[in-house]
Protein backbone atom coordinates (compact mmCIF):
# COMPACT_ATOMS: atom_id res chain seq x y z
CA SER A 1 69.37 -147.70 65.91
CA ARG A 2 65.57 -147.48 66.24
CA ARG A 3 64.10 -144.08 67.05
CA CYS A 4 61.06 -144.00 69.33
CA PRO A 5 58.20 -141.91 67.93
CA PRO A 6 57.14 -138.85 69.91
CA ARG A 7 54.26 -139.32 72.32
CA CYS A 8 50.80 -138.17 71.20
CA GLY A 9 52.25 -136.95 67.92
CA ALA A 10 54.09 -134.03 69.62
CA PRO A 11 57.15 -132.77 67.75
CA ARG A 12 60.48 -133.76 69.22
CA PRO A 13 62.08 -130.69 70.92
CA ARG A 14 65.11 -129.31 69.13
CA ARG A 15 68.35 -128.93 71.01
CA SER A 16 69.63 -125.36 71.11
CA LEU A 17 72.99 -124.79 69.46
CA ILE A 18 73.48 -121.48 71.26
CA PRO A 19 75.45 -121.76 74.50
CA SER A 20 73.78 -120.43 77.63
CA LEU A 21 75.21 -117.13 78.85
CA PRO A 22 75.14 -115.41 82.24
CA ALA A 23 72.09 -113.31 83.02
CA GLY A 24 72.34 -109.82 81.56
CA THR A 25 74.78 -110.84 78.83
CA ALA A 26 73.90 -109.60 75.37
CA ARG A 27 74.02 -111.74 72.25
CA LEU A 28 74.53 -110.83 68.64
CA SER A 29 71.45 -110.96 66.48
CA ARG A 30 71.13 -114.30 64.66
CA ALA A 31 70.71 -112.61 61.33
CA GLU A 32 73.37 -109.97 61.86
CA PRO A 33 76.53 -110.70 59.84
CA ARG A 34 79.91 -109.79 61.18
CA ALA A 35 81.43 -107.02 59.10
CA GLY A 36 83.98 -108.20 56.61
CA ASP A 37 83.68 -111.99 56.84
CA GLY A 38 80.12 -112.60 55.68
CA ARG A 39 79.34 -114.99 58.54
CA SER A 40 75.95 -114.91 60.21
CA GLY A 41 75.51 -113.97 63.86
CA GLU A 42 74.36 -117.57 64.55
CA GLU A 43 77.65 -118.97 63.31
CA GLU A 44 79.56 -116.51 65.46
CA VAL A 45 77.53 -117.29 68.58
CA GLU A 46 77.97 -121.02 67.97
CA GLU A 47 81.72 -120.46 68.07
CA GLY A 48 81.34 -118.65 71.42
CA CYS A 49 82.48 -115.27 70.02
CA TYR A 50 79.79 -112.75 70.94
CA GLN A 51 80.24 -109.01 71.31
CA LEU A 52 78.63 -107.00 74.09
CA TYR A 53 79.69 -103.72 72.46
CA PRO A 54 81.79 -102.69 69.43
CA GLY A 55 85.37 -103.88 69.89
CA HIS A 56 84.59 -106.28 72.75
CA ILE A 57 86.85 -109.35 72.91
CA PRO A 58 85.43 -112.18 75.05
CA THR A 59 88.07 -113.74 77.31
CA SER A 60 88.09 -116.48 79.93
CA PRO A 61 89.29 -115.88 83.51
CA LEU A 62 92.59 -117.57 82.65
CA GLN A 63 93.07 -115.37 79.60
CA LYS A 64 92.33 -112.29 81.70
CA ALA A 65 94.90 -113.39 84.28
CA LEU A 66 97.55 -113.84 81.59
CA LEU A 67 96.70 -110.47 80.04
CA ALA A 68 96.88 -108.82 83.47
CA ALA A 69 100.29 -110.31 84.24
CA GLY A 70 101.77 -109.44 80.86
CA SER A 71 100.38 -105.91 80.76
CA ALA A 72 101.56 -105.25 84.34
CA VAL A 73 105.13 -106.20 83.42
CA MET A 74 105.09 -104.03 80.31
CA ALA A 75 103.44 -101.08 82.06
CA LEU A 76 106.03 -101.15 84.85
CA TYR A 77 108.85 -101.40 82.31
CA ASP A 78 107.47 -98.52 80.24
CA PRO A 79 104.80 -96.41 82.01
CA TYR A 80 104.11 -94.56 78.74
CA ARG A 81 102.76 -97.74 77.12
CA HIS A 82 99.18 -96.51 77.41
CA ASP A 83 97.87 -99.59 75.61
CA MET A 84 99.33 -101.86 78.30
CA VAL A 85 98.06 -99.58 81.08
CA ALA A 86 94.59 -99.78 79.52
CA VAL A 87 94.65 -103.59 79.34
CA LEU A 88 95.83 -103.77 82.96
CA GLY A 89 92.96 -101.53 84.06
CA GLU A 90 90.35 -103.67 82.31
CA THR A 91 91.63 -107.06 83.45
CA THR A 92 92.07 -106.12 87.11
CA GLY A 93 89.08 -103.83 87.69
CA CYS A 94 86.48 -106.53 88.37
CA LEU A 95 85.80 -105.26 91.91
CA ALA A 96 86.46 -101.53 91.57
CA LEU A 97 84.38 -100.92 88.44
CA PRO A 98 81.06 -102.21 89.86
CA ASN A 99 81.68 -100.09 92.95
CA LEU A 100 82.21 -97.00 90.77
CA ARG A 101 79.08 -97.78 88.77
CA ASP A 102 77.04 -98.07 91.96
CA LYS A 103 78.34 -94.71 93.15
CA MET A 104 77.20 -93.19 89.86
CA LYS A 105 73.79 -94.87 90.04
CA HIS A 106 73.15 -93.44 93.51
CA HIS A 107 74.08 -89.88 92.56
CA PRO A 108 71.71 -87.68 90.48
CA GLU A 109 74.42 -86.29 88.20
CA GLY A 110 76.27 -89.59 87.96
CA TYR A 111 73.04 -91.44 87.13
CA ARG A 112 72.32 -88.98 84.31
CA ILE A 113 75.82 -89.56 82.93
CA LEU A 114 75.17 -93.31 82.90
CA GLN A 115 71.90 -92.77 81.07
CA GLU A 116 73.12 -90.24 78.49
CA ARG A 117 76.60 -91.71 77.94
CA PRO A 118 78.45 -88.47 77.00
CA ARG A 119 81.86 -88.76 75.35
CA ILE A 120 84.81 -86.37 75.58
CA ARG A 121 86.40 -86.40 72.14
CA LEU A 122 87.45 -83.82 69.57
CA SER A 123 84.28 -84.62 67.62
CA THR A 124 82.11 -83.70 70.64
CA LEU A 125 84.07 -80.65 71.82
CA ASP A 126 83.70 -77.13 70.45
CA MET A 127 87.38 -76.26 70.79
CA ASP A 128 86.99 -72.69 69.47
CA ARG A 129 84.29 -71.98 72.03
CA LEU A 130 86.38 -73.43 74.85
CA ARG A 131 89.41 -71.36 73.78
CA GLY A 132 87.22 -68.25 73.93
CA LEU A 133 86.15 -68.79 77.53
CA PRO A 134 87.70 -66.58 80.24
CA ASP A 135 90.98 -67.63 81.83
CA GLY A 136 90.44 -69.75 84.91
CA THR A 137 87.30 -71.48 83.66
CA LEU A 138 87.33 -75.26 83.34
CA GLY A 139 86.92 -75.22 79.57
CA ARG A 140 89.71 -72.70 78.95
CA GLU A 141 92.15 -74.39 81.32
CA TYR A 142 91.35 -77.82 79.91
CA VAL A 143 92.16 -76.68 76.35
CA ARG A 144 95.30 -74.97 77.66
CA PHE A 145 96.37 -78.25 79.29
CA LEU A 146 95.80 -80.18 76.04
CA GLU A 147 97.77 -77.67 73.97
CA ASP A 148 100.63 -77.15 76.44
CA ASN A 149 101.18 -80.89 76.87
CA LYS A 150 100.41 -81.79 73.22
CA VAL A 151 97.82 -84.41 74.11
CA SER A 152 94.42 -85.22 72.65
CA PRO A 153 91.30 -86.82 74.18
CA ASP A 154 91.10 -89.03 71.10
CA THR A 155 94.14 -91.04 72.24
CA ARG A 156 92.10 -92.80 74.95
CA MET A 157 91.70 -96.45 73.96
CA PRO A 158 88.20 -97.95 73.85
CA PRO A 159 87.59 -100.89 76.22
CA LYS A 160 87.95 -104.45 74.88
CA PHE A 161 88.15 -107.01 77.68
CA ILE A 162 85.32 -105.98 80.05
CA ASP A 163 82.41 -108.41 79.86
CA ASP A 164 79.72 -105.93 80.84
CA GLU A 165 78.57 -103.14 78.56
CA GLU A 166 77.78 -100.69 81.36
CA LEU A 167 81.10 -101.26 83.14
CA ALA A 168 82.85 -100.77 79.80
CA TYR A 169 81.36 -97.28 79.65
CA VAL A 170 82.43 -96.59 83.26
CA ILE A 171 86.10 -97.27 82.47
CA GLN A 172 85.79 -95.34 79.20
CA ARG A 173 84.47 -92.38 81.16
CA TYR A 174 87.30 -92.69 83.67
CA ARG A 175 89.84 -92.58 80.85
CA GLU A 176 88.25 -89.57 79.20
CA VAL A 177 88.15 -87.48 82.40
CA HIS A 178 91.78 -88.31 83.23
CA ASP A 179 93.05 -85.15 81.52
CA LEU A 180 90.45 -83.17 83.44
CA MET A 181 91.97 -84.56 86.63
CA HIS A 182 95.32 -83.18 85.52
CA THR A 183 93.60 -79.83 84.94
CA LEU A 184 91.87 -79.76 88.32
CA LEU A 185 94.94 -80.98 90.19
CA GLY A 186 97.26 -78.62 88.29
CA MET A 187 99.62 -81.45 87.34
CA PRO A 188 101.58 -81.74 84.04
CA THR A 189 101.99 -84.97 82.05
CA ASN A 190 105.60 -85.65 83.11
CA MET A 191 106.36 -88.62 85.36
CA LEU A 192 106.04 -86.59 88.56
CA GLY A 193 102.65 -85.21 87.54
CA GLU A 194 101.38 -88.64 86.44
CA VAL A 195 102.39 -90.21 89.75
CA VAL A 196 100.56 -87.52 91.72
CA VAL A 197 97.40 -87.97 89.63
CA LYS A 198 97.64 -91.74 90.06
CA TRP A 199 97.77 -91.36 93.86
CA PHE A 200 94.62 -89.23 93.72
CA GLU A 201 92.87 -91.64 91.34
CA ALA A 202 93.94 -94.69 93.40
CA ILE A 203 92.21 -93.25 96.46
CA GLN A 204 89.19 -92.20 94.41
CA THR A 205 88.61 -95.30 92.28
CA GLY A 206 90.35 -98.21 93.96
CA LEU A 207 91.49 -99.46 90.55
CA PRO A 208 94.53 -101.76 90.96
CA MET A 209 96.07 -100.14 87.89
CA CYS A 210 96.12 -96.78 89.68
CA VAL A 211 97.51 -98.35 92.85
CA LEU A 212 100.37 -99.95 90.89
CA GLY A 213 101.11 -96.70 89.07
CA ALA A 214 101.17 -94.77 92.34
CA ALA A 215 103.40 -97.34 94.06
CA PHE A 216 105.92 -98.07 91.31
CA GLY A 217 105.92 -94.84 89.30
CA PRO A 218 108.29 -93.02 91.67
CA VAL A 219 111.17 -95.45 91.01
CA ARG A 220 112.08 -93.42 87.92
CA LEU A 221 112.20 -90.08 89.72
CA SER A 222 115.30 -88.25 90.89
CA ALA A 223 116.11 -87.94 94.59
CA ARG A 224 115.02 -84.28 94.66
CA LYS A 225 111.66 -85.05 93.04
CA LEU A 226 111.16 -88.00 95.36
CA GLN A 227 111.60 -85.70 98.34
CA VAL A 228 109.02 -83.23 97.00
CA LEU A 229 106.69 -86.11 96.17
CA ALA A 230 106.93 -87.71 99.60
CA THR A 231 106.78 -84.54 101.71
CA GLU A 232 104.29 -82.40 99.78
CA LEU A 233 102.53 -83.89 96.77
CA VAL A 234 101.54 -87.38 97.89
CA PRO A 235 100.09 -86.26 101.27
CA TRP A 236 98.10 -83.57 99.44
CA ALA A 237 96.88 -86.04 96.77
CA ILE A 238 95.80 -88.56 99.41
CA ARG A 239 93.95 -85.94 101.48
CA SER A 240 92.23 -84.58 98.37
CA GLY A 241 91.29 -88.07 97.15
CA ARG A 242 89.73 -88.95 100.49
CA ASN A 243 87.95 -85.62 100.86
CA ALA A 244 86.64 -85.34 97.28
CA SER A 245 83.33 -86.68 96.05
CA CYS A 246 83.42 -89.28 93.27
CA ILE A 247 85.06 -87.69 90.22
CA LEU A 248 82.79 -89.67 87.86
CA ASN A 249 79.71 -87.96 89.27
CA VAL A 250 80.53 -84.62 87.65
CA TYR A 251 79.03 -83.78 84.24
CA TYR A 252 82.12 -81.88 83.12
CA GLU A 253 80.67 -81.08 79.69
CA GLN A 254 78.10 -78.88 81.44
CA ARG A 255 80.70 -77.20 83.68
CA TRP A 256 83.01 -75.64 81.06
CA GLU A 257 82.14 -72.10 82.15
CA GLN A 258 82.61 -72.84 85.86
CA PRO A 259 85.86 -71.53 87.40
CA VAL A 260 88.36 -74.26 88.21
CA GLU A 261 88.72 -73.02 91.80
CA SER A 262 84.95 -73.17 92.27
CA LEU A 263 84.76 -76.72 90.89
CA ARG A 264 87.67 -77.83 93.09
CA GLU A 265 85.87 -76.49 96.12
CA GLU A 266 82.60 -78.17 95.08
CA ILE A 267 84.24 -81.57 94.53
CA GLY A 268 86.43 -81.27 97.63
CA ILE A 269 89.90 -81.02 96.07
CA PHE A 270 92.30 -78.97 98.18
CA PRO A 271 94.31 -76.24 96.35
CA PRO A 272 97.54 -77.64 94.86
CA PRO A 273 100.66 -77.02 96.97
């Protein structure tokens, strides 16, 4: 077919091969190759596979719905499948996570956390120093909790399915302070302790994952533990969750020397029953 020449000798505009993305969405650099496969960033963007942060997996709303349904079933079947719990939190937190981020942005300490992006990992913790702190301080009791329950902060999975880099950090921060919630609430990592912490976190964060854990976790408890949970622990966790300030607005790394009782009182957590 005949091609009409451009008017006034102007070059014909080229059609972009890069799909338009929502405002605020990051792209890979055109010249940046993906590690291991030698492909250019332009080829990867053309295929629609762009990463907002390391490990990010772009997913459609339908894919997120399927992931949410599958992970919910697996998490209810086996509450210790932390990978499924993590996926459930990411695929169902579309309303709660922006709300948590806004709370952090409107709080001086929370805003500084968002800007500095601290991480709680073995590589960032001076464990010997924390062990040497006096009994009752946050740092000493946190290390005691890790050692007594044989857990590590490095087991927290990085986010994958959240399509916003800042919200990905918010849920990462929530995961990394989870063990600190156990420390402040005085709860172990057994099923009873996890259910109590989930009730507190459900009130605090509004994450559907926490709500499901709080609602369905007790089905595996004995009748005696259910009675204690219903009459003492859940009412206390709910009152503390409602009374406490946002748990993500505390720069815990700068509070290691603060007594646990003092930090509870500052946040608004009532003494454990």
